[in-house]
Amino acid sequence: QVQLVESGGGSVQAGGSLRLACVGTGIDLSTKVTDWYRQAPGKQRDLVAQIMRGDATHYADSLKGRITISRDSAKNTVYLQMDSLRPEDTAVYYCHTVAGLPLRDYWGQGTQVTVSS
């Protein structure tokens, strides 16, 4: 059974940093494209960052320079390092991947990030 479990969220002041982690079970994340999304109250869920099978990365334009996505294959974990956090970064952050035959989406339960000014 495939599961994605996020951790690392919390409450920080503006300018602070957090590192989110997404641990996969029942799936080898090193062979998958893994994404981080975020959803603020009343807003749609938006893509934050992606890491591809060859460790190439993609970032949302609005977050470039403040976030870094990375992978530890030995721990089957994908990280999202977030620096210089702003109140507008407040959201629930979700880990996501696509796998299986037929392909389906897998989402974690989300981790709350709250940034105060």
Protein backbone atom coordinates (compact mmCIF):
# COMPACT_ATOMS: atom_id res chain seq x y z
CA GLN A 1 0.00 0.00 0.00
CA VAL A 2 1.40 3.35 -1.07
CA GLN A 3 1.55 6.07 1.56
CA LEU A 4 3.11 9.51 1.67
CA VAL A 5 3.60 11.03 5.10
CA GLU A 6 4.60 14.67 5.53
CA SER A 7 6.20 16.23 8.57
CA GLY A 8 8.09 19.34 9.53
CA GLY A 9 5.38 21.96 9.45
CA GLY A 10 4.87 24.43 12.24
CA SER A 11 4.57 28.06 13.22
CA VAL A 12 7.40 30.46 12.49
CA GLN A 13 7.90 34.18 12.28
CA ALA A 14 8.44 35.94 8.99
CA GLY A 15 11.99 35.46 7.80
CA GLY A 16 12.26 32.04 9.41
CA SER A 17 12.89 28.66 7.86
CA LEU A 18 11.30 25.24 7.84
CA ARG A 19 12.23 21.94 6.28
CA LEU A 20 9.37 19.70 5.31
CA ALA A 21 9.84 15.98 4.77
CA CYS A 22 7.79 13.49 2.76
CA VAL A 23 8.45 9.84 3.49
CA GLY A 24 7.17 7.23 1.05
CA THR A 25 6.17 3.70 1.97
CA GLY A 26 5.18 1.06 -0.54
CA ILE A 27 6.79 3.13 -3.29
CA ASP A 28 10.30 4.01 -4.41
CA LEU A 29 10.29 7.80 -4.64
CA SER A 30 13.67 7.83 -6.38
CA THR A 31 11.97 6.45 -9.49
CA LYS A 32 9.07 8.89 -9.42
CA VAL A 33 8.41 12.55 -9.99
CA THR A 34 7.51 13.90 -6.56
CA ASP A 35 5.87 17.25 -5.97
CA TRP A 36 5.07 19.62 -3.17
CA TYR A 37 1.82 21.54 -3.39
CA ARG A 38 0.28 24.03 -1.01
CA GLN A 39 -3.24 25.16 -0.30
CA ALA A 40 -4.16 28.28 1.62
CA PRO A 41 -7.65 28.70 3.12
CA GLY A 42 -10.19 29.45 0.42
CA LYS A 43 -7.66 29.04 -2.38
CA GLN A 44 -6.81 26.33 -4.87
CA ARG A 45 -4.01 23.86 -4.39
CA ASP A 46 -0.91 25.15 -6.21
CA LEU A 47 2.31 23.48 -7.27
CA VAL A 48 5.34 24.61 -5.25
CA ALA A 49 8.17 22.39 -6.47
CA GLN A 50 8.95 19.17 -8.33
CA ILE A 51 11.86 16.79 -8.34
CA MET A 52 12.25 14.49 -11.33
CA ARG A 53 13.73 11.01 -11.59
CA GLY A 54 17.16 12.37 -12.50
CA ASP A 55 16.97 14.93 -9.65
CA ALA A 56 16.20 17.80 -11.99
CA THR A 57 14.00 20.31 -10.21
CA HIS A 58 11.25 22.76 -11.03
CA TYR A 59 9.97 25.61 -8.87
CA ALA A 60 7.00 27.90 -8.91
CA ASP A 61 8.20 31.31 -10.13
CA SER A 62 6.86 33.08 -7.05
CA LEU A 63 8.99 30.92 -4.75
CA LYS A 64 12.25 30.63 -6.67
CA GLY A 65 15.25 31.55 -4.58
CA ARG A 66 13.50 30.80 -1.30
CA ILE A 67 12.83 27.07 -1.58
CA THR A 68 14.86 23.97 -2.40
CA ILE A 69 13.50 20.52 -3.11
CA SER A 70 15.79 17.54 -2.62
CA ARG A 71 15.71 13.79 -2.21
CA ASP A 72 17.43 11.27 0.04
CA SER A 73 16.99 7.96 -1.77
CA ALA A 74 18.40 5.95 1.13
CA LYS A 75 15.61 7.30 3.35
CA ASN A 76 13.02 7.31 0.56
CA THR A 77 12.31 10.89 1.54
CA VAL A 78 11.78 14.12 -0.38
CA TYR A 79 12.46 17.39 1.41
CA LEU A 80 11.32 20.95 0.91
CA GLN A 81 13.60 23.54 2.47
CA MET A 82 11.84 26.88 2.82
CA ASP A 83 13.72 30.02 3.78
CA SER A 84 12.81 33.69 4.21
CA LEU A 85 9.25 32.65 4.93
CA ARG A 86 6.48 35.22 4.52
CA PRO A 87 2.96 35.36 5.96
CA GLU A 88 1.60 34.59 2.49
CA ASP A 89 3.39 31.24 2.63
CA THR A 90 0.88 30.14 5.27
CA ALA A 91 -0.85 27.04 3.92
CA VAL A 92 -1.17 23.31 4.21
CA TYR A 93 1.67 21.71 2.27
CA TYR A 94 1.07 18.39 0.53
CA CYS A 95 3.38 15.81 -0.96
CA HIS A 96 2.23 14.19 -4.21
CA THR A 97 3.30 11.57 -6.70
CA VAL A 98 1.80 9.51 -9.50
CA ALA A 99 2.32 5.78 -9.69
CA GLY A 100 0.76 2.41 -10.46
CA LEU A 101 -0.98 0.83 -13.38
CA PRO A 102 -3.31 2.40 -14.18
CA LEU A 103 -1.63 5.59 -13.02
CA ARG A 104 -3.19 7.28 -10.05
CA ASP A 105 -2.42 10.21 -7.80
CA TYR A 106 -1.12 9.72 -4.29
CA TRP A 107 -1.30 12.53 -1.73
CA GLY A 108 -0.06 12.84 1.78
CA GLN A 109 -2.25 14.10 4.59
CA GLY A 110 -0.63 17.53 4.55
CA THR A 111 1.40 19.52 7.05
CA GLN A 112 0.42 22.99 8.24
CA VAL A 113 2.83 25.88 7.84
CA THR A 114 1.91 29.13 9.58
CA VAL A 115 4.04 32.24 9.18
CA SER A 116 3.34 35.22 11.41
CA SER A 117 4.42 38.78 10.74
